[in-house]
Amino acid sequence: LRSALADEFWQVRVKAVRSLGKLGATEAAVEIAPMMDLSIPNLRKECAAVLGEMAVVETLPYLEKYVDDPDPDVRKNVRWAMGRIAA
């Protein structure tokens, strides 16, 4: 699954992120977090949700950059994820 995080199709990356989140693969959080910098809102939204589920403190800097993301779903998931990490 981790190799699918680099797939050329963003839809494959979304599925890989979701699957890693469902598996609770917190060690993958450091690979998922940089994907927040990609231009695809659906991918950022999914990454933020999974990072919130994983609650790995090291991912906060990636999330903080997107608190004011233009996409409302990304903003919502980022704020939720940051709240989970803080808790």
PDB file of N, CA and C in Angstrom:
ATOM      1  N   LEU A   1       0.821  -1.216   0.000  1.00  0.00           N
ATOM      2  CA  LEU A   1       0.000   0.000   0.000  1.00  0.00           C
ATOM      3  C   LEU A   1       0.852   1.261   0.000  1.00  0.00           C
ATOM      4  N   ARG A   2       1.928   1.230   0.749  1.00  0.00           N
ATOM      5  CA  ARG A   2       2.751   2.433   0.841  1.00  0.00           C
ATOM      6  C   ARG A   2       3.321   2.836  -0.514  1.00  0.00           C
ATOM      7  N   SER A   3       3.610   1.873  -1.354  1.00  0.00           N
ATOM      8  CA  SER A   3       4.122   2.222  -2.684  1.00  0.00           C
ATOM      9  C   SER A   3       3.035   2.897  -3.522  1.00  0.00           C
ATOM     10  N   ALA A   4       1.772   2.600  -3.243  1.00  0.00           N
ATOM     11  CA  ALA A   4       0.653   3.218  -3.971  1.00  0.00           C
ATOM     12  C   ALA A   4       0.502   4.698  -3.631  1.00  0.00           C
ATOM     13  N   LEU A   5       1.142   5.158  -2.557  1.00  0.00           N
ATOM     14  CA  LEU A   5       1.088   6.585  -2.212  1.00  0.00           C
ATOM     15  C   LEU A   5       1.778   7.448  -3.261  1.00  0.00           C
ATOM     16  N   ALA A   6       2.605   6.837  -4.082  1.00  0.00           N
ATOM     17  CA  ALA A   6       3.321   7.572  -5.130  1.00  0.00           C
ATOM     18  C   ALA A   6       2.756   7.304  -6.523  1.00  0.00           C
ATOM     19  N   ASP A   7       1.619   6.652  -6.604  1.00  0.00           N
ATOM     20  CA  ASP A   7       1.032   6.333  -7.901  1.00  0.00           C
ATOM     21  C   ASP A   7       0.745   7.611  -8.687  1.00  0.00           C
ATOM     22  N   GLU A   8       0.821   7.522 -10.007  1.00  0.00           N
ATOM     23  CA  GLU A   8       0.586   8.704 -10.836  1.00  0.00           C
ATOM     24  C   GLU A   8      -0.875   9.152 -10.822  1.00  0.00           C
ATOM     25  N   PHE A   9      -1.781   8.258 -10.487  1.00  0.00           N
ATOM     26  CA  PHE A   9      -3.203   8.607 -10.430  1.00  0.00           C
ATOM     27  C   PHE A   9      -3.596   8.970  -9.003  1.00  0.00           C
ATOM     28  N   TRP A  10      -4.137  10.172  -8.827  1.00  0.00           N
ATOM     29  CA  TRP A  10      -4.465  10.629  -7.478  1.00  0.00           C
ATOM     30  C   TRP A  10      -5.544   9.758  -6.837  1.00  0.00           C
ATOM     31  N   GLN A  11      -6.409   9.166  -7.654  1.00  0.00           N
ATOM     32  CA  GLN A  11      -7.466   8.309  -7.109  1.00  0.00           C
ATOM     33  C   GLN A  11      -6.878   7.073  -6.423  1.00  0.00           C
ATOM     34  N   VAL A  12      -5.809   6.551  -6.980  1.00  0.00           N
ATOM     35  CA  VAL A  12      -5.124   5.406  -6.358  1.00  0.00           C
ATOM     36  C   VAL A  12      -4.512   5.838  -5.042  1.00  0.00           C
ATOM     37  N   ARG A  13      -3.939   7.039  -5.019  1.00  0.00           N
ATOM     38  CA  ARG A  13      -3.336   7.550  -3.779  1.00  0.00           C
ATOM     39  C   ARG A  13      -4.393   7.726  -2.691  1.00  0.00           C
ATOM     40  N   VAL A  14      -5.576   8.208  -3.080  1.00  0.00           N
ATOM     41  CA  VAL A  14      -6.665   8.367  -2.106  1.00  0.00           C
ATOM     42  C   VAL A  14      -7.026   7.016  -1.498  1.00  0.00           C
ATOM     43  N   LYS A  15      -7.165   6.004  -2.332  1.00  0.00           N
ATOM     44  CA  LYS A  15      -7.509   4.657  -1.838  1.00  0.00           C
ATOM     45  C   LYS A  15      -6.414   4.118  -0.919  1.00  0.00           C
ATOM     46  N   ALA A  16      -5.169   4.365  -1.263  1.00  0.00           N
ATOM     47  CA  ALA A  16      -4.061   3.901  -0.427  1.00  0.00           C
ATOM     48  C   ALA A  16      -4.076   4.608   0.929  1.00  0.00           C
ATOM     49  N   VAL A  17      -4.314   5.905   0.921  1.00  0.00           N
ATOM     50  CA  VAL A  17      -4.386   6.671   2.168  1.00  0.00           C
ATOM     51  C   VAL A  17      -5.520   6.138   3.038  1.00  0.00           C
ATOM     52  N   ARG A  18      -6.692   5.956   2.445  1.00  0.00           N
ATOM     53  CA  ARG A  18      -7.835   5.414   3.200  1.00  0.00           C
ATOM     54  C   ARG A  18      -7.524   4.056   3.803  1.00  0.00           C
ATOM     55  N   SER A  19      -6.938   3.193   2.994  1.00  0.00           N
ATOM     56  CA  SER A  19      -6.628   1.838   3.451  1.00  0.00           C
ATOM     57  C   SER A  19      -5.613   1.851   4.589  1.00  0.00           C
ATOM     58  N   LEU A  20      -4.586   2.662   4.465  1.00  0.00           N
ATOM     59  CA  LEU A  20      -3.594   2.760   5.537  1.00  0.00           C
ATOM     60  C   LEU A  20      -4.233   3.295   6.819  1.00  0.00           C
ATOM     61  N   GLY A  21      -5.168   4.222   6.651  1.00  0.00           N
ATOM     62  CA  GLY A  21      -5.880   4.740   7.819  1.00  0.00           C
ATOM     63  C   GLY A  21      -6.717   3.666   8.481  1.00  0.00           C
ATOM     64  N   LYS A  22      -7.422   2.878   7.684  1.00  0.00           N
ATOM     65  CA  LYS A  22      -8.252   1.803   8.242  1.00  0.00           C
ATOM     66  C   LYS A  22      -7.405   0.744   8.935  1.00  0.00           C
ATOM     67  N   LEU A  23      -6.210   0.533   8.428  1.00  0.00           N
ATOM     68  CA  LEU A  23      -5.309  -0.439   9.041  1.00  0.00           C
ATOM     69  C   LEU A  23      -4.626   0.117  10.293  1.00  0.00           C
ATOM     70  N   GLY A  24      -4.767   1.418  10.504  1.00  0.00           N
ATOM     71  CA  GLY A  24      -4.110   2.037  11.666  1.00  0.00           C
ATOM     72  C   GLY A  24      -2.597   2.070  11.525  1.00  0.00           C
ATOM     73  N   ALA A  25      -2.126   2.198  10.299  1.00  0.00           N
ATOM     74  CA  ALA A  25      -0.694   2.180  10.007  1.00  0.00           C
ATOM     75  C   ALA A  25      -0.066   3.539  10.315  1.00  0.00           C
ATOM     76  N   THR A  26       0.054   3.853  11.602  1.00  0.00           N
ATOM     77  CA  THR A  26       0.556   5.176  12.004  1.00  0.00           C
ATOM     78  C   THR A  26       1.966   5.456  11.502  1.00  0.00           C
ATOM     79  N   GLU A  27       2.751   4.409  11.247  1.00  0.00           N
ATOM     80  CA  GLU A  27       4.108   4.627  10.732  1.00  0.00           C
ATOM     81  C   GLU A  27       4.082   5.246   9.340  1.00  0.00           C
ATOM     82  N   ALA A  28       2.959   5.151   8.648  1.00  0.00           N
ATOM     83  CA  ALA A  28       2.826   5.740   7.309  1.00  0.00           C
ATOM     84  C   ALA A  28       2.447   7.220   7.370  1.00  0.00           C
ATOM     85  N   ALA A  29       2.139   7.728   8.547  1.00  0.00           N
ATOM     86  CA  ALA A  29       1.717   9.130   8.682  1.00  0.00           C
ATOM     87  C   ALA A  29       2.772  10.093   8.142  1.00  0.00           C
ATOM     88  N   VAL A  30       4.046   9.778   8.340  1.00  0.00           N
ATOM     89  CA  VAL A  30       5.108  10.667   7.858  1.00  0.00           C
ATOM     90  C   VAL A  30       5.219  10.651   6.335  1.00  0.00           C
ATOM     91  N   GLU A  31       4.649   9.646   5.686  1.00  0.00           N
ATOM     92  CA  GLU A  31       4.602   9.610   4.226  1.00  0.00           C
ATOM     93  C   GLU A  31       3.323  10.262   3.700  1.00  0.00           C
ATOM     94  N   ILE A  32       2.265  10.187   4.471  1.00  0.00           N
ATOM     95  CA  ILE A  32       0.988  10.771   4.070  1.00  0.00           C
ATOM     96  C   ILE A  32       0.997  12.284   4.251  1.00  0.00           C
ATOM     97  N   ALA A  33       1.580  12.766   5.329  1.00  0.00           N
ATOM     98  CA  ALA A  33       1.555  14.195   5.652  1.00  0.00           C
ATOM     99  C   ALA A  33       2.067  15.088   4.513  1.00  0.00           C
ATOM    100  N   PRO A  34       3.182  14.777   3.858  1.00  0.00           N
ATOM    101  CA  PRO A  34       3.645  15.642   2.763  1.00  0.00           C
ATOM    102  C   PRO A  34       2.675  15.711   1.590  1.00  0.00           C
ATOM    103  N   MET A  35       1.769  14.753   1.491  1.00  0.00           N
ATOM    104  CA  MET A  35       0.784  14.774   0.412  1.00  0.00           C
ATOM    105  C   MET A  35      -0.218  15.910   0.602  1.00  0.00           C
ATOM    106  N   MET A  36      -0.242  16.520   1.780  1.00  0.00           N
ATOM    107  CA  MET A  36      -1.089  17.690   2.009  1.00  0.00           C
ATOM    108  C   MET A  36      -0.671  18.840   1.094  1.00  0.00           C
ATOM    109  N   ASP A  37       0.578  18.830   0.646  1.00  0.00           N
ATOM    110  CA  ASP A  37       1.079  19.907  -0.215  1.00  0.00           C
ATOM    111  C   ASP A  37       0.694  19.749  -1.685  1.00  0.00           C
ATOM    112  N   LEU A  38       0.012  18.673  -2.033  1.00  0.00           N
ATOM    113  CA  LEU A  38      -0.400  18.468  -3.419  1.00  0.00           C
ATOM    114  C   LEU A  38      -1.618  19.335  -3.754  1.00  0.00           C
ATOM    115  N   SER A  39      -1.812  19.604  -5.014  1.00  0.00           N
ATOM    116  CA  SER A  39      -2.846  20.556  -5.440  1.00  0.00           C
ATOM    117  C   SER A  39      -4.253  19.966  -5.534  1.00  0.00           C
ATOM    118  N   ILE A  40      -4.420  18.702  -5.243  1.00  0.00           N
ATOM    119  CA  ILE A  40      -5.719  18.034  -5.418  1.00  0.00           C
ATOM    120  C   ILE A  40      -6.520  18.087  -4.116  1.00  0.00           C
ATOM    121  N   PRO A  41      -7.591  18.885  -4.070  1.00  0.00           N
ATOM    122  CA  PRO A  41      -8.352  19.039  -2.833  1.00  0.00           C
ATOM    123  C   PRO A  41      -8.889  17.721  -2.263  1.00  0.00           C
ATOM    124  N   ASN A  42      -9.365  16.831  -3.119  1.00  0.00           N
ATOM    125  CA  ASN A  42      -9.899  15.554  -2.614  1.00  0.00           C
ATOM    126  C   ASN A  42      -8.819  14.743  -1.909  1.00  0.00           C
ATOM    127  N   LEU A  43      -7.616  14.801  -2.412  1.00  0.00           N
ATOM    128  CA  LEU A  43      -6.512  14.083  -1.794  1.00  0.00           C
ATOM    129  C   LEU A  43      -6.121  14.740  -0.462  1.00  0.00           C
ATOM    130  N   ARG A  44      -6.073  16.076  -0.438  1.00  0.00           N
ATOM    131  CA  ARG A  44      -5.756  16.779   0.816  1.00  0.00           C
ATOM    132  C   ARG A  44      -6.814  16.493   1.879  1.00  0.00           C
ATOM    133  N   LYS A  45      -8.069  16.475   1.461  1.00  0.00           N
ATOM    134  CA  LYS A  45      -9.181  16.204   2.386  1.00  0.00           C
ATOM    135  C   LYS A  45      -9.026  14.815   3.014  1.00  0.00           C
ATOM    136  N   GLU A  46      -8.741  13.836   2.188  1.00  0.00           N
ATOM    137  CA  GLU A  46      -8.585  12.465   2.678  1.00  0.00           C
ATOM    138  C   GLU A  46      -7.359  12.329   3.567  1.00  0.00           C
ATOM    139  N   CYS A  47      -6.274  12.958   3.168  1.00  0.00           N
ATOM    140  CA  CYS A  47      -5.055  12.907   3.978  1.00  0.00           C
ATOM    141  C   CYS A  47      -5.299  13.527   5.353  1.00  0.00           C
ATOM    142  N   ALA A  48      -5.969  14.646   5.387  1.00  0.00           N
ATOM    143  CA  ALA A  48      -6.252  15.303   6.668  1.00  0.00           C
ATOM    144  C   ALA A  48      -7.100  14.407   7.565  1.00  0.00           C
ATOM    145  N   ALA A  49      -8.100  13.766   6.993  1.00  0.00           N
ATOM    146  CA  ALA A  49      -8.964  12.881   7.780  1.00  0.00           C
ATOM    147  C   ALA A  49      -8.165  11.715   8.359  1.00  0.00           C
ATOM    148  N   VAL A  50      -7.336  11.114   7.547  1.00  0.00           N
ATOM    149  CA  VAL A  50      -6.547   9.969   8.011  1.00  0.00           C
ATOM    150  C   VAL A  50      -5.506  10.413   9.036  1.00  0.00           C
ATOM    151  N   LEU A  51      -4.895  11.560   8.816  1.00  0.00           N
ATOM    152  CA  LEU A  51      -3.928  12.052   9.794  1.00  0.00           C
ATOM    153  C   LEU A  51      -4.597  12.327  11.140  1.00  0.00           C
ATOM    154  N   GLY A  52      -5.840  12.776  11.094  1.00  0.00           N
ATOM    155  CA  GLY A  52      -6.585  12.969  12.329  1.00  0.00           C
ATOM    156  C   GLY A  52      -6.872  11.657  13.027  1.00  0.00           C
ATOM    157  N   GLU A  53      -7.215  10.644  12.256  1.00  0.00           N
ATOM    158  CA  GLU A  53      -7.458   9.316  12.836  1.00  0.00           C
ATOM    159  C   GLU A  53      -6.190   8.749  13.447  1.00  0.00           C
ATOM    160  N   MET A  54      -5.066   8.982  12.792  1.00  0.00           N
ATOM    161  CA  MET A  54      -3.793   8.456  13.287  1.00  0.00           C
ATOM    162  C   MET A  54      -3.270   9.249  14.481  1.00  0.00           C
ATOM    163  N   ALA A  55      -3.581  10.551  14.505  1.00  0.00           N
ATOM    164  CA  ALA A  55      -3.191  11.451  15.602  1.00  0.00           C
ATOM    165  C   ALA A  55      -1.696  11.401  15.913  1.00  0.00           C
ATOM    166  N   VAL A  56      -0.880  11.561  14.892  1.00  0.00           N
ATOM    167  CA  VAL A  56       0.572  11.584  15.051  1.00  0.00           C
ATOM    168  C   VAL A  56       1.015  13.043  15.123  1.00  0.00           C
ATOM    169  N   VAL A  57       1.596  13.428  16.235  1.00  0.00           N
ATOM    170  CA  VAL A  57       1.952  14.834  16.498  1.00  0.00           C
ATOM    171  C   VAL A  57       2.874  15.408  15.427  1.00  0.00           C
ATOM    172  N   GLU A  58       3.764  14.600  14.892  1.00  0.00           N
ATOM    173  CA  GLU A  58       4.728  15.085  13.892  1.00  0.00           C
ATOM    174  C   GLU A  58       4.066  15.588  12.617  1.00  0.00           C
ATOM    175  N   THR A  59       2.805  15.289  12.400  1.00  0.00           N
ATOM    176  CA  THR A  59       2.124  15.726  11.180  1.00  0.00           C
ATOM    177  C   THR A  59       1.481  17.105  11.321  1.00  0.00           C
ATOM    178  N   LEU A  60       1.471  17.653  12.523  1.00  0.00           N
ATOM    179  CA  LEU A  60       0.839  18.967  12.739  1.00  0.00           C
ATOM    180  C   LEU A  60       1.347  20.072  11.822  1.00  0.00           C
ATOM    181  N   PRO A  61       2.658  20.204  11.584  1.00  0.00           N
ATOM    182  CA  PRO A  61       3.110  21.285  10.691  1.00  0.00           C
ATOM    183  C   PRO A  61       2.486  21.218   9.297  1.00  0.00           C
ATOM    184  N   TYR A  62       2.250  20.021   8.802  1.00  0.00           N
ATOM    185  CA  TYR A  62       1.622  19.880   7.481  1.00  0.00           C
ATOM    186  C   TYR A  62       0.163  20.313   7.522  1.00  0.00           C
ATOM    187  N   LEU A  63      -0.517  19.964   8.584  1.00  0.00           N
ATOM    188  CA  LEU A  63      -1.932  20.322   8.722  1.00  0.00           C
ATOM    189  C   LEU A  63      -2.107  21.823   8.937  1.00  0.00           C
ATOM    190  N   GLU A  64      -1.259  22.412   9.750  1.00  0.00           N
ATOM    191  CA  GLU A  64      -1.386  23.837  10.092  1.00  0.00           C
ATOM    192  C   GLU A  64      -1.372  24.733   8.860  1.00  0.00           C
ATOM    193  N   LYS A  65      -0.649  24.328   7.818  1.00  0.00           N
ATOM    194  CA  LYS A  65      -0.571  25.132   6.600  1.00  0.00           C
ATOM    195  C   LYS A  65      -1.916  25.236   5.875  1.00  0.00           C
ATOM    196  N   TYR A  66      -2.843  24.316   6.189  1.00  0.00           N
ATOM    197  CA  TYR A  66      -4.090  24.243   5.438  1.00  0.00           C
ATOM    198  C   TYR A  66      -5.331  24.565   6.265  1.00  0.00           C
ATOM    199  N   VAL A  67      -5.133  25.243   7.376  1.00  0.00           N
ATOM    200  CA  VAL A  67      -6.273  25.662   8.207  1.00  0.00           C
ATOM    201  C   VAL A  67      -7.195  26.583   7.415  1.00  0.00           C
ATOM    202  N   ASP A  68      -6.636  27.377   6.510  1.00  0.00           N
ATOM    203  CA  ASP A  68      -7.418  28.302   5.697  1.00  0.00           C
ATOM    204  C   ASP A  68      -7.450  27.877   4.229  1.00  0.00           C
ATOM    205  N   ASP A  69      -7.461  26.582   3.987  1.00  0.00           N
ATOM    206  CA  ASP A  69      -7.499  26.061   2.619  1.00  0.00           C
ATOM    207  C   ASP A  69      -8.732  26.605   1.888  1.00  0.00           C
ATOM    208  N   PRO A  70      -8.616  26.873   0.596  1.00  0.00           N
ATOM    209  CA  PRO A  70      -9.777  27.364  -0.164  1.00  0.00           C
ATOM    210  C   PRO A  70     -10.944  26.365  -0.209  1.00  0.00           C
ATOM    211  N   ASP A  71     -10.645  25.087  -0.079  1.00  0.00           N
ATOM    212  CA  ASP A  71     -11.695  24.065  -0.127  1.00  0.00           C
ATOM    213  C   ASP A  71     -12.290  23.865   1.275  1.00  0.00           C
ATOM    214  N   PRO A  72     -13.597  24.060   1.428  1.00  0.00           N
ATOM    215  CA  PRO A  72     -14.208  23.954   2.761  1.00  0.00           C
ATOM    216  C   PRO A  72     -14.101  22.563   3.377  1.00  0.00           C
ATOM    217  N   ASP A  73     -14.110  21.524   2.572  1.00  0.00           N
ATOM    218  CA  ASP A  73     -13.973  20.169   3.116  1.00  0.00           C
ATOM    219  C   ASP A  73     -12.561  19.923   3.654  1.00  0.00           C
ATOM    220  N   VAL A  74     -11.576  20.467   2.974  1.00  0.00           N
ATOM    221  CA  VAL A  74     -10.200  20.350   3.452  1.00  0.00           C
ATOM    222  C   VAL A  74     -10.071  21.091   4.776  1.00  0.00           C
ATOM    223  N   ARG A  75     -10.576  22.328   4.824  1.00  0.00           N
ATOM    224  CA  ARG A  75     -10.517  23.113   6.081  1.00  0.00           C
ATOM    225  C   ARG A  75     -11.159  22.366   7.233  1.00  0.00           C
ATOM    226  N   LYS A  76     -12.339  21.807   6.987  1.00  0.00           N
ATOM    227  CA  LYS A  76     -13.066  21.083   8.028  1.00  0.00           C
ATOM    228  C   LYS A  76     -12.253  19.896   8.533  1.00  0.00           C
ATOM    229  N   ASN A  77     -11.709  19.105   7.618  1.00  0.00           N
ATOM    230  CA  ASN A  77     -10.936  17.934   8.025  1.00  0.00           C
ATOM    231  C   ASN A  77      -9.630  18.314   8.712  1.00  0.00           C
ATOM    232  N   VAL A  78      -8.999  19.375   8.243  1.00  0.00           N
ATOM    233  CA  VAL A  78      -7.755  19.830   8.874  1.00  0.00           C
ATOM    234  C   VAL A  78      -8.023  20.254  10.311  1.00  0.00           C
ATOM    235  N   ARG A  79      -9.049  21.040  10.514  1.00  0.00           N
ATOM    236  CA  ARG A  79      -9.359  21.502  11.879  1.00  0.00           C
ATOM    237  C   ARG A  79      -9.758  20.338  12.780  1.00  0.00           C
ATOM    238  N   TRP A  80     -10.509  19.389  12.245  1.00  0.00           N
ATOM    239  CA  TRP A  80     -10.882  18.206  13.011  1.00  0.00           C
ATOM    240  C   TRP A  80      -9.630  17.404  13.379  1.00  0.00           C
ATOM    241  N   ALA A  81      -8.745  17.215  12.401  1.00  0.00           N
ATOM    242  CA  ALA A  81      -7.516  16.443  12.639  1.00  0.00           C
ATOM    243  C   ALA A  81      -6.645  17.107  13.687  1.00  0.00           C
ATOM    244  N   MET A  82      -6.517  18.415  13.616  1.00  0.00           N
ATOM    245  CA  MET A  82      -5.691  19.125  14.592  1.00  0.00           C
ATOM    246  C   MET A  82      -6.288  18.993  15.992  1.00  0.00           C
ATOM    247  N   GLY A  83      -7.593  19.013  16.076  1.00  0.00           N
ATOM    248  CA  GLY A  83      -8.259  18.819  17.365  1.00  0.00           C
ATOM    249  C   GLY A  83      -8.001  17.434  17.925  1.00  0.00           C
ATOM    250  N   ARG A  84      -8.052  16.437  17.069  1.00  0.00           N
ATOM    251  CA  ARG A  84      -7.776  15.060  17.511  1.00  0.00           C
ATOM    252  C   ARG A  84      -6.345  14.909  17.992  1.00  0.00           C
ATOM    253  N   ILE A  85      -5.420  15.516  17.275  1.00  0.00           N
ATOM    254  CA  ILE A  85      -4.007  15.418  17.651  1.00  0.00           C
ATOM    255  C   ILE A  85      -3.772  16.136  18.973  1.00  0.00           C
ATOM    256  N   ALA A  86      -4.429  17.268  19.146  1.00  0.00           N
ATOM    257  CA  ALA A  86      -4.259  18.042  20.386  1.00  0.00           C
ATOM    258  C   ALA A  86      -4.827  17.304  21.604  1.00  0.00           C
ATOM    259  N   ALA A  87      -5.825  16.472  21.371  1.00  0.00           N
ATOM    260  CA  ALA A  87      -6.498  15.775  22.488  1.00  0.00           C
ATOM    261  C   ALA A  87      -5.734  14.635  23.050  1.00  0.00           C
TER     262      ALA A  87
END
